[in-house]
Amino acid sequence: MIATELVDTVSTAVAPMFHALASTPLAEPAPKGINTDGVVSFFASKIAPILLAVLGVIFIGRASRGEISKVLTSSAIAIVGLAFIAGAATLFFVGDYLIELIFE
C-alpha cells in the first residue's frame, strides 16, 4: 500500500517534467546557408584596416630609407588594386539590380 502511494505520488510529480522534456527539441535546426553579408562585413571592418596599416608601415619604412621611387610604385599598385576591388563590388550591385529589373 505504501509502495503504490509512493509510485502514484512520484508519477504525478514527474509527469509534467517528462512532458516538458518531450516537447523541447533535442537539437538546433540545421543552418540554412552561409551568411555572406556577415563574412564580407567582417573582412571590411576587421581585416582590411589591418592590411592597410601594414602597408602604411612598410611605405613609411621605405620612405625613411630614401626609397621614394619604390614607395610611389607600391602606392600606385595598392591604389589600382583598391580600385579593382571597388569596381568588382560595384559590378556586383549593378548585376543584382539588373537581375531584379529583368525578372520582376
C-alpha atoms as a PDB file:
ATOM      1  CA  MET A   1       0.000   0.000   0.000  1.00  0.00           C
ATOM      2  CA  ILE A   2       2.780   2.439   0.893  1.00  0.00           C
ATOM      3  CA  ALA A   3       4.700   1.493  -2.233  1.00  0.00           C
ATOM      4  CA  THR A   4       1.737   2.133  -4.535  1.00  0.00           C
ATOM      5  CA  GLU A   5       1.074   5.508  -2.908  1.00  0.00           C
ATOM      6  CA  LEU A   6       4.767   6.395  -3.325  1.00  0.00           C
ATOM      7  CA  VAL A   7       4.723   5.401  -7.011  1.00  0.00           C
ATOM      8  CA  ASP A   8       1.499   7.348  -7.514  1.00  0.00           C
ATOM      9  CA  THR A   9       2.943  10.487  -5.881  1.00  0.00           C
ATOM     10  CA  VAL A  10       6.204  10.284  -7.813  1.00  0.00           C
ATOM     11  CA  SER A  11       4.448   9.730 -11.153  1.00  0.00           C
ATOM     12  CA  THR A  12       2.183  12.763 -10.652  1.00  0.00           C
ATOM     13  CA  ALA A  13       5.169  14.909  -9.698  1.00  0.00           C
ATOM     14  CA  VAL A  14       7.399  13.727 -12.530  1.00  0.00           C
ATOM     15  CA  ALA A  15       4.819  13.681 -15.348  1.00  0.00           C
ATOM     16  CA  PRO A  16       4.982  17.472 -16.082  1.00  0.00           C
ATOM     17  CA  MET A  17       8.781  17.272 -16.301  1.00  0.00           C
ATOM     18  CA  PHE A  18       8.617  14.416 -18.811  1.00  0.00           C
ATOM     19  CA  HIS A  19       6.043  16.339 -20.832  1.00  0.00           C
ATOM     20  CA  ALA A  20       8.283  19.417 -20.889  1.00  0.00           C
ATOM     21  CA  LEU A  21      11.294  17.339 -21.927  1.00  0.00           C
ATOM     22  CA  ALA A  22       9.317  15.621 -24.686  1.00  0.00           C
ATOM     23  CA  SER A  23       8.137  18.928 -26.166  1.00  0.00           C
ATOM     24  CA  THR A  24      11.601  20.542 -26.357  1.00  0.00           C
ATOM     25  CA  PRO A  25      13.664  19.871 -29.494  1.00  0.00           C
ATOM     26  CA  LEU A  26      16.798  17.822 -28.954  1.00  0.00           C
ATOM     27  CA  ALA A  27      18.975  19.602 -31.500  1.00  0.00           C
ATOM     28  CA  GLU A  28      19.166  23.007 -33.075  1.00  0.00           C
ATOM     29  CA  PRO A  29      17.787  23.260 -36.601  1.00  0.00           C
ATOM     30  CA  ALA A  30      20.354  22.892 -39.344  1.00  0.00           C
ATOM     31  CA  PRO A  31      21.781  26.132 -40.734  1.00  0.00           C
ATOM     32  CA  LYS A  32      20.159  27.270 -43.953  1.00  0.00           C
ATOM     33  CA  GLY A  33      23.233  28.745 -45.631  1.00  0.00           C
ATOM     34  CA  ILE A  34      26.335  30.866 -45.252  1.00  0.00           C
ATOM     35  CA  ASN A  35      25.871  34.446 -44.107  1.00  0.00           C
ATOM     36  CA  THR A  36      27.873  36.052 -46.914  1.00  0.00           C
ATOM     37  CA  ASP A  37      26.923  39.569 -45.839  1.00  0.00           C
ATOM     38  CA  GLY A  38      28.406  38.869 -42.414  1.00  0.00           C
ATOM     39  CA  VAL A  39      31.610  37.478 -43.916  1.00  0.00           C
ATOM     40  CA  VAL A  40      32.056  40.486 -46.211  1.00  0.00           C
ATOM     41  CA  SER A  41      31.359  42.970 -43.420  1.00  0.00           C
ATOM     42  CA  PHE A  42      33.828  41.120 -41.157  1.00  0.00           C
ATOM     43  CA  PHE A  43      36.596  41.372 -43.753  1.00  0.00           C
ATOM     44  CA  ALA A  44      35.754  45.008 -44.497  1.00  0.00           C
ATOM     45  CA  SER A  45      35.675  46.037 -40.841  1.00  0.00           C
ATOM     46  CA  LYS A  46      38.428  43.876 -39.327  1.00  0.00           C
ATOM     47  CA  ILE A  47      40.886  42.553 -41.925  1.00  0.00           C
ATOM     48  CA  ALA A  48      41.126  45.399 -44.451  1.00  0.00           C
ATOM     49  CA  PRO A  49      42.168  48.090 -41.913  1.00  0.00           C
ATOM     50  CA  ILE A  50      44.897  45.810 -40.551  1.00  0.00           C
ATOM     51  CA  LEU A  51      46.259  45.146 -44.049  1.00  0.00           C
ATOM     52  CA  LEU A  52      46.183  48.859 -44.895  1.00  0.00           C
ATOM     53  CA  ALA A  53      48.017  49.649 -41.659  1.00  0.00           C
ATOM     54  CA  VAL A  54      50.717  47.081 -42.519  1.00  0.00           C
ATOM     55  CA  LEU A  55      51.089  48.622 -45.982  1.00  0.00           C
ATOM     56  CA  GLY A  56      51.390  52.075 -44.401  1.00  0.00           C
ATOM     57  CA  VAL A  57      54.141  50.908 -42.053  1.00  0.00           C
ATOM     58  CA  ILE A  58      56.034  49.325 -44.964  1.00  0.00           C
ATOM     59  CA  PHE A  59      55.706  52.500 -47.032  1.00  0.00           C
ATOM     60  CA  ILE A  60      56.890  54.709 -44.173  1.00  0.00           C
ATOM     61  CA  GLY A  61      59.842  52.386 -43.549  1.00  0.00           C
ATOM     62  CA  ARG A  62      60.895  52.508 -47.189  1.00  0.00           C
ATOM     63  CA  ALA A  63      60.447  56.269 -47.398  1.00  0.00           C
ATOM     64  CA  SER A  64      62.635  56.808 -44.338  1.00  0.00           C
ATOM     65  CA  ARG A  65      65.445  54.858 -46.053  1.00  0.00           C
ATOM     66  CA  GLY A  66      65.216  57.069 -49.127  1.00  0.00           C
ATOM     67  CA  GLU A  67      63.478  54.598 -51.448  1.00  0.00           C
ATOM     68  CA  ILE A  68      60.875  57.104 -52.613  1.00  0.00           C
ATOM     69  CA  SER A  69      60.500  55.578 -56.087  1.00  0.00           C
ATOM     70  CA  LYS A  70      59.672  52.157 -54.626  1.00  0.00           C
ATOM     71  CA  VAL A  71      57.170  53.767 -52.251  1.00  0.00           C
ATOM     72  CA  LEU A  72      55.457  55.592 -55.109  1.00  0.00           C
ATOM     73  CA  THR A  73      55.347  52.433 -57.227  1.00  0.00           C
ATOM     74  CA  SER A  74      53.941  50.367 -54.382  1.00  0.00           C
ATOM     75  CA  SER A  75      51.412  53.068 -53.533  1.00  0.00           C
ATOM     76  CA  ALA A  76      50.247  53.205 -57.142  1.00  0.00           C
ATOM     77  CA  ILE A  77      49.872  49.418 -57.247  1.00  0.00           C
ATOM     78  CA  ALA A  78      47.896  49.472 -53.978  1.00  0.00           C
ATOM     79  CA  ILE A  79      45.596  52.224 -55.273  1.00  0.00           C
ATOM     80  CA  VAL A  80      44.958  50.329 -58.531  1.00  0.00           C
ATOM     81  CA  GLY A  81      44.211  47.178 -56.517  1.00  0.00           C
ATOM     82  CA  LEU A  82      41.716  49.047 -54.348  1.00  0.00           C
ATOM     83  CA  ALA A  83      40.105  50.468 -57.487  1.00  0.00           C
ATOM     84  CA  PHE A  84      39.693  46.936 -58.886  1.00  0.00           C
ATOM     85  CA  ILE A  85      38.123  45.754 -55.627  1.00  0.00           C
ATOM     86  CA  ALA A  86      35.727  48.725 -55.594  1.00  0.00           C
ATOM     87  CA  GLY A  87      34.868  48.074 -59.254  1.00  0.00           C
ATOM     88  CA  ALA A  88      34.099  44.434 -58.526  1.00  0.00           C
ATOM     89  CA  ALA A  89      31.789  45.420 -55.656  1.00  0.00           C
ATOM     90  CA  THR A  90      30.067  47.957 -57.907  1.00  0.00           C
ATOM     91  CA  LEU A  91      29.544  45.353 -60.637  1.00  0.00           C
ATOM     92  CA  PHE A  92      28.064  43.001 -58.042  1.00  0.00           C
ATOM     93  CA  PHE A  93      25.421  45.552 -57.049  1.00  0.00           C
ATOM     94  CA  VAL A  94      24.747  46.620 -60.656  1.00  0.00           C
ATOM     95  CA  GLY A  95      24.301  42.967 -61.660  1.00  0.00           C
ATOM     96  CA  ASP A  96      21.907  42.403 -58.772  1.00  0.00           C
ATOM     97  CA  TYR A  97      19.912  45.466 -59.821  1.00  0.00           C
ATOM     98  CA  LEU A  98      19.735  44.285 -63.444  1.00  0.00           C
ATOM     99  CA  ILE A  99      18.572  40.804 -62.436  1.00  0.00           C
ATOM    100  CA  GLU A 100      15.822  42.276 -60.268  1.00  0.00           C
ATOM    101  CA  LEU A 101      14.821  44.612 -63.100  1.00  0.00           C
ATOM    102  CA  ILE A 102      14.626  41.831 -65.696  1.00  0.00           C
ATOM    103  CA  PHE A 103      12.868  39.180 -63.577  1.00  0.00           C
ATOM    104  CA  GLU A 104      10.193  41.352 -61.912  1.00  0.00           C
END
